[in-house]
Amino acid sequence: MSPGKVVAVGGHESDGGRAVRGLLGPEVSCVAGGRELFRCVSASRARGEPVCVVPMTLGRDPELVADAARTLLALSAEDRAGTVLAEPFGTAGHLIGWLRAAASRVAADKALLVTAPSGGPFVDADLFRIARLVRQYGRHRTVEVALIGGDPDPAEGVRRCRALGERCVVLLSAAWVTPRTPDPEHCVPAGPLLSAPAVAGVLDARVREAWGRYDRLGDDGLSRGLSAAHDHGHVHSHGPDDHAHEPPHTDAPDVLRGTHTHTHGTHHDPHPHPHAPDGAVTPPRGPRAPDGLPHTPHRADVTHRGADPHVLPSHRSLR
């Protein structure tokens, strides 16, 4: 099937898609999840266009993928027949590779301050893990983390770097959103994580892969998307048994938004990922994290076939 219409859906990493609009061509629609995504896809299908939805996470918002899948399930059966959900734009492994590539362009005598919008305690904690890996396999003595709208914020992050004796701090964005420079005298922005040509190249690869799976296997990606956020919540242990527990249910629908460290089954390649000529990073090889389901009414063994086409998450109504 023809690639047709491409819809990029964004979450907290891109301010609901707004931060990526300047990096994509006019033929790509950038929307937030929920109602905005539903209306955009419905309008394209009404014009007879096949639609590919690409979750624009850089690897720290798997709930965006699951939420997009739930939203697409609310389409009519006819509209779903011409709609596919692509793999997310990036994974945590990709993000580490992209950040390491960006860090390699910064002089070794400068400090790095890895920044991203705050997305909740678990996704924020994962940013510290990612930054630690960037430091571990890089050449910079100081690599700190700052959260836009969180604690520590970029201004505090710069102060921490200065307290460690660093004279110049480079703001390294781990999201589509870039922060305001809090102290121009002592810090400078590194610029966008990816160039527009690199973004276009990765996006095109995701779209082609999605339609290729659909043409070969009839796989529209929704079942896989529903499982994207499994195990990305709070996991803890009790004593020598060290048995993991699922997080308790909560009334806050967004408490599990984000990517968090697995207790098992996850592998991170410490070596840089090769870059294609257009600046895109080749997807990492090796074991993938186990798939499952987020804390939603869906069960792990349920596919979207035969699902109620009007089911949407309670916090994503279509009104």
Protein backbone atom coordinates (compact mmCIF):
# COMPACT_ATOMS: atom_id res chain seq x y z
CA MET A 1 0.00 0.00 0.00
CA SER A 2 1.14 3.57 -0.68
CA PRO A 3 2.65 5.43 2.31
CA GLY A 4 -0.23 7.93 1.97
CA LYS A 5 -0.67 10.39 4.83
CA VAL A 6 1.88 10.51 7.66
CA VAL A 7 0.76 11.69 11.10
CA ALA A 8 3.39 12.37 13.77
CA VAL A 9 1.90 12.20 17.26
CA GLY A 10 3.78 13.82 20.13
CA GLY A 11 3.76 13.71 23.92
CA HIS A 12 5.63 15.47 26.71
CA GLU A 13 8.98 15.17 24.90
CA SER A 14 7.72 17.41 22.08
CA ASP A 15 5.08 19.56 23.79
CA GLY A 16 2.28 17.64 22.10
CA GLY A 17 4.05 17.60 18.72
CA ARG A 18 4.59 21.35 18.51
CA ALA A 19 8.37 21.13 18.96
CA VAL A 20 8.85 18.85 15.93
CA ARG A 21 6.83 20.85 13.40
CA GLY A 22 9.82 22.87 12.29
CA LEU A 23 11.80 19.68 11.60
CA LEU A 24 9.23 18.01 9.35
CA GLY A 25 7.89 18.88 5.93
CA PRO A 26 4.43 20.35 5.37
CA GLU A 27 3.14 16.96 4.18
CA VAL A 28 3.45 15.56 7.73
CA SER A 29 0.76 16.44 10.27
CA CYS A 30 2.06 16.91 13.83
CA VAL A 31 -0.61 16.41 16.47
CA ALA A 32 -1.07 15.63 20.15
CA GLY A 33 -2.61 12.33 21.21
CA GLY A 34 -6.24 11.62 22.01
CA ARG A 35 -8.90 13.73 20.33
CA GLU A 36 -6.46 15.61 18.06
CA LEU A 37 -5.00 12.38 16.72
CA PHE A 38 -8.43 10.81 16.26
CA ARG A 39 -9.79 13.78 14.32
CA CYS A 40 -6.71 14.08 12.10
CA VAL A 41 -6.76 10.39 11.13
CA SER A 42 -10.55 10.39 10.63
CA ALA A 43 -10.33 13.39 8.31
CA SER A 44 -7.60 11.78 6.21
CA ARG A 45 -9.50 8.50 5.96
CA ALA A 46 -12.64 10.37 4.94
CA ARG A 47 -10.63 11.66 1.95
CA GLY A 48 -9.62 8.09 1.11
CA GLU A 49 -5.99 8.46 2.22
CA PRO A 50 -4.19 5.57 3.90
CA VAL A 51 -2.65 6.81 7.15
CA CYS A 52 0.53 5.90 9.01
CA VAL A 53 0.80 7.20 12.58
CA VAL A 54 4.32 7.56 14.00
CA PRO A 55 4.72 8.07 17.79
CA MET A 56 7.41 10.74 18.07
CA THR A 57 8.97 9.53 21.29
CA LEU A 58 12.75 9.52 21.53
CA GLY A 59 12.54 6.49 23.81
CA ARG A 60 11.29 7.92 27.10
CA ASP A 61 7.51 7.85 26.55
CA PRO A 62 6.24 4.33 25.73
CA GLU A 63 2.82 5.31 27.09
CA LEU A 64 2.53 7.61 24.05
CA VAL A 65 2.70 4.51 21.83
CA ALA A 66 0.09 2.61 23.84
CA ASP A 67 -2.17 5.65 24.02
CA ALA A 68 -1.96 6.12 20.23
CA ALA A 69 -2.94 2.46 19.72
CA ARG A 70 -5.95 2.84 22.03
CA THR A 71 -7.02 5.97 20.19
CA LEU A 72 -6.80 4.28 16.79
CA LEU A 73 -8.96 1.43 18.08
CA ALA A 74 -11.81 3.93 18.37
CA LEU A 75 -11.83 4.38 14.59
CA SER A 76 -14.49 2.62 12.58
CA ALA A 77 -13.55 -0.78 11.16
CA GLU A 78 -13.42 0.76 7.68
CA ASP A 79 -11.04 3.51 8.77
CA ARG A 80 -8.83 1.09 10.71
CA ALA A 81 -8.44 -1.01 7.57
CA GLY A 82 -6.41 1.80 5.99
CA THR A 83 -4.47 2.88 9.09
CA VAL A 84 -1.20 1.57 10.53
CA LEU A 85 0.73 2.41 13.68
CA ALA A 86 4.48 2.55 13.11
CA GLU A 87 7.21 1.64 15.56
CA PRO A 88 8.15 4.62 17.76
CA PHE A 89 10.54 7.13 16.23
CA GLY A 90 13.23 6.18 18.71
CA THR A 91 14.04 3.89 21.62
CA ALA A 92 16.11 4.52 24.74
CA GLY A 93 18.98 2.81 22.94
CA HIS A 94 18.66 5.19 20.02
CA LEU A 95 18.54 8.16 22.41
CA ILE A 96 21.76 7.10 24.10
CA GLY A 97 23.44 6.80 20.71
CA TRP A 98 22.14 10.19 19.55
CA LEU A 99 23.25 11.87 22.78
CA ARG A 100 26.69 10.29 22.57
CA ALA A 101 27.06 11.51 18.99
CA ALA A 102 26.05 15.03 20.07
CA ALA A 103 28.41 14.88 23.05
CA SER A 104 31.30 13.89 20.79
CA ARG A 105 30.97 17.26 19.07
CA VAL A 106 31.48 19.14 22.36
CA ALA A 107 34.99 19.93 23.61
CA ALA A 108 36.07 17.61 26.42
CA ASP A 109 36.83 20.49 28.79
CA LYS A 110 33.17 21.56 28.92
CA ALA A 111 30.44 20.15 31.14
CA LEU A 112 27.32 18.57 29.66
CA LEU A 113 23.85 19.27 31.06
CA VAL A 114 21.36 16.75 29.64
CA THR A 115 17.91 18.38 29.57
CA ALA A 116 14.37 17.18 28.89
CA PRO A 117 10.85 18.11 30.01
CA SER A 118 9.80 16.49 33.25
CA GLY A 119 7.49 13.54 32.59
CA GLY A 120 6.89 12.11 36.07
CA PRO A 121 9.16 10.42 38.64
CA PHE A 122 9.82 7.22 36.69
CA VAL A 123 10.52 8.75 33.29
CA ASP A 124 12.66 11.42 34.99
CA ALA A 125 14.66 8.74 36.79
CA ASP A 126 15.33 7.04 33.48
CA LEU A 127 16.86 10.25 32.14
CA PHE A 128 19.49 10.01 34.90
CA ARG A 129 20.25 6.44 33.77
CA ILE A 130 20.63 7.57 30.16
CA ALA A 131 22.89 10.48 31.12
CA ARG A 132 25.03 8.13 33.22
CA LEU A 133 25.62 5.92 30.18
CA VAL A 134 26.52 8.95 28.07
CA ARG A 135 29.13 9.89 30.67
CA GLN A 136 30.38 6.33 31.13
CA TYR A 137 31.27 5.87 27.49
CA GLY A 138 32.19 9.47 26.71
CA ARG A 139 35.07 11.81 27.44
CA HIS A 140 33.43 14.49 29.60
CA ARG A 141 34.18 14.63 33.30
CA THR A 142 30.87 16.25 34.26
CA VAL A 143 27.50 15.15 32.87
CA GLU A 144 24.51 16.42 34.86
CA VAL A 145 20.74 16.26 34.32
CA ALA A 146 18.17 19.06 34.37
CA LEU A 147 14.40 18.80 34.01
CA ILE A 148 12.37 21.47 32.25
CA GLY A 149 9.51 22.12 34.63
CA GLY A 150 11.02 19.78 37.23
CA ASP A 151 13.74 19.51 39.87
CA PRO A 152 16.57 20.19 39.30
CA ASP A 153 15.66 22.72 36.63
CA PRO A 154 18.22 23.95 34.04
CA ALA A 155 19.27 26.92 36.18
CA GLU A 156 19.99 24.62 39.12
CA GLY A 157 21.76 22.19 36.78
CA VAL A 158 24.12 24.94 35.62
CA ARG A 159 24.78 25.95 39.24
CA ARG A 160 25.67 22.36 40.10
CA CYS A 161 28.12 22.15 37.21
CA ARG A 162 29.69 25.45 38.26
CA ALA A 163 29.98 24.20 41.85
CA LEU A 164 31.96 21.24 40.50
CA GLY A 165 34.47 23.68 39.04
CA GLU A 166 33.25 23.73 35.43
CA ARG A 167 33.68 27.02 33.59
CA CYS A 168 31.39 26.34 30.61
CA VAL A 169 28.24 24.21 30.47
CA VAL A 170 26.69 22.93 27.23
CA LEU A 171 22.94 22.24 27.24
CA LEU A 172 22.40 18.87 25.55
CA SER A 173 18.74 18.25 24.77
CA ALA A 174 17.40 14.70 25.22
CA ALA A 175 13.99 15.73 23.86
CA TRP A 176 12.46 17.67 21.01
CA VAL A 177 11.89 20.58 23.39
CA THR A 178 14.97 22.71 24.05
CA PRO A 179 15.27 24.85 27.19
CA ARG A 180 15.85 28.56 27.48
CA THR A 181 19.50 29.25 28.29
CA PRO A 182 19.41 30.09 32.02
CA ASP A 183 22.89 31.61 32.36
CA PRO A 184 24.26 32.88 29.02
CA GLU A 185 27.51 33.89 30.69
CA HIS A 186 28.37 30.32 31.64
CA CYS A 187 26.33 28.02 29.37
CA VAL A 188 25.49 27.59 25.71
CA PRO A 189 22.94 25.40 23.89
CA ALA A 190 24.19 22.51 21.78
CA GLY A 191 21.26 22.93 19.38
CA PRO A 192 18.70 20.31 18.33
CA LEU A 193 19.56 16.68 19.02
CA LEU A 194 18.87 15.74 15.38
CA SER A 195 18.98 17.75 12.18
CA ALA A 196 15.92 18.09 9.96
CA PRO A 197 17.37 15.72 7.30
CA ALA A 198 18.14 13.11 9.98
CA VAL A 199 14.61 13.37 11.38
CA ALA A 200 13.13 13.02 7.92
CA GLY A 201 15.28 9.96 7.22
CA VAL A 202 14.28 8.17 10.43
CA LEU A 203 10.61 9.06 9.95
CA ASP A 204 10.64 7.74 6.39
CA ALA A 205 12.20 4.48 7.59
CA ARG A 206 9.51 4.01 10.25
CA VAL A 207 6.73 4.62 7.71
CA ARG A 208 8.18 2.21 5.15
CA GLU A 209 8.67 -0.48 7.79
CA ALA A 210 5.08 -0.08 8.97
CA TRP A 211 3.55 -0.41 5.50
CA GLY A 212 5.92 -3.27 4.69
CA ARG A 213 4.65 -5.27 7.69
CA TYR A 214 1.08 -4.47 6.73
CA ASP A 215 1.57 -5.60 3.12
CA ARG A 216 3.43 -8.80 4.06
CA LEU A 217 1.66 -9.84 7.24
CA GLY A 218 -1.50 -7.76 7.53
CA ASP A 219 -0.02 -6.32 10.75
CA ASP A 220 -1.33 -2.82 11.45
CA GLY A 221 0.81 -2.42 14.58
CA LEU A 222 -2.04 -1.85 17.03
CA SER A 223 -1.64 -5.03 19.07
CA ARG A 224 2.09 -4.38 19.42
CA GLY A 225 1.45 -0.74 20.29
CA LEU A 226 -0.92 -1.66 23.10
CA SER A 227 1.88 -3.56 24.85
CA ALA A 228 4.47 -0.79 24.56
CA ALA A 229 4.17 0.58 28.10
CA HIS A 230 4.28 -2.72 29.97
CA ASP A 231 6.67 -2.82 32.95
CA HIS A 232 7.56 0.86 32.67
CA GLY A 233 6.38 1.67 36.19
CA HIS A 234 7.59 1.34 39.75
CA VAL A 235 9.31 -1.97 40.49
CA HIS A 236 10.73 -2.78 43.92
CA SER A 237 12.00 -5.76 45.89
CA HIS A 238 11.56 -7.16 49.37
CA GLY A 239 14.54 -8.80 51.00
CA PRO A 240 16.47 -11.78 49.71
CA ASP A 241 13.69 -13.04 47.43
CA ASP A 242 14.07 -9.88 45.34
CA HIS A 243 10.70 -10.37 43.68
CA ALA A 244 9.33 -7.56 41.56
CA HIS A 245 5.86 -6.12 42.09
CA GLU A 246 3.58 -4.28 39.76
CA PRO A 247 2.75 -0.72 40.82
CA PRO A 248 -0.52 -0.24 42.70
CA HIS A 249 -3.45 1.14 40.78
CA THR A 250 -3.98 4.86 41.05
CA ASP A 251 -6.55 7.42 40.10
CA ALA A 252 -3.90 9.49 38.32
CA PRO A 253 -4.01 8.33 34.66
CA ASP A 254 -0.55 9.61 33.78
CA VAL A 255 1.42 8.25 36.74
CA LEU A 256 3.08 5.60 34.60
CA ARG A 257 3.95 7.76 31.62
CA GLY A 258 7.55 7.05 30.65
CA THR A 259 10.34 4.56 30.28
CA HIS A 260 11.95 3.07 33.37
CA THR A 261 14.65 0.59 34.14
CA HIS A 262 13.58 -3.05 33.86
CA THR A 263 14.58 -5.52 36.52
CA HIS A 264 15.37 -8.10 33.86
CA GLY A 265 15.39 -8.76 30.15
CA THR A 266 16.95 -5.48 29.04
CA HIS A 267 20.28 -5.07 27.29
CA HIS A 268 22.04 -1.81 26.53
CA ASP A 269 24.81 -1.74 24.00
CA PRO A 270 27.59 0.45 25.38
CA HIS A 271 29.04 1.05 21.93
CA PRO A 272 27.93 3.85 19.63
CA HIS A 273 25.32 3.01 17.05
CA PRO A 274 26.44 3.49 13.43
CA HIS A 275 25.06 6.48 11.63
CA ALA A 276 23.59 6.43 8.16
CA PRO A 277 24.64 9.10 5.66
CA ASP A 278 21.50 11.13 6.42
CA GLY A 279 22.38 11.30 10.10
CA ALA A 280 19.92 8.64 11.22
CA VAL A 281 21.07 6.02 13.68
CA THR A 282 20.88 2.38 12.73
CA PRO A 283 18.49 0.61 15.13
CA PRO A 284 20.38 -1.35 17.79
CA ARG A 285 20.65 -5.10 17.46
CA GLY A 286 20.26 -7.62 20.21
CA PRO A 287 17.52 -8.70 22.66
CA ARG A 288 14.53 -6.49 23.08
CA ALA A 289 12.74 -5.80 26.34
CA PRO A 290 9.77 -8.15 26.91
CA ASP A 291 6.45 -6.83 25.72
CA GLY A 292 3.26 -6.75 27.77
CA LEU A 293 0.48 -4.35 28.58
CA PRO A 294 0.22 -1.15 30.62
CA HIS A 295 -2.22 -0.88 33.50
CA THR A 296 -5.35 -0.64 31.37
CA PRO A 297 -8.46 -2.80 31.03
CA HIS A 298 -6.70 -4.71 28.21
CA ARG A 299 -5.27 -8.15 28.97
CA ALA A 300 -1.92 -9.37 27.70
CA ASP A 301 -3.55 -12.02 25.48
CA VAL A 302 -6.11 -9.71 23.90
CA THR A 303 -5.63 -8.32 20.42
CA HIS A 304 -7.52 -5.41 18.93
CA ARG A 305 -9.56 -7.64 16.66
CA GLY A 306 -13.17 -7.46 17.69
CA ALA A 307 -12.47 -4.74 20.27
CA ASP A 308 -15.13 -2.16 20.95
CA PRO A 309 -14.35 0.50 18.33
CA HIS A 310 -15.51 3.24 20.68
CA VAL A 311 -13.20 2.46 23.59
CA LEU A 312 -10.79 5.26 24.44
CA PRO A 313 -8.79 5.89 27.61
CA SER A 314 -10.94 7.70 30.17
CA HIS A 315 -8.65 10.75 30.11
CA ARG A 316 -8.72 10.99 26.29
CA SER A 317 -12.36 11.59 25.44
CA LEU A 318 -13.36 12.70 21.97
CA ARG A 319 -15.57 15.55 23.09
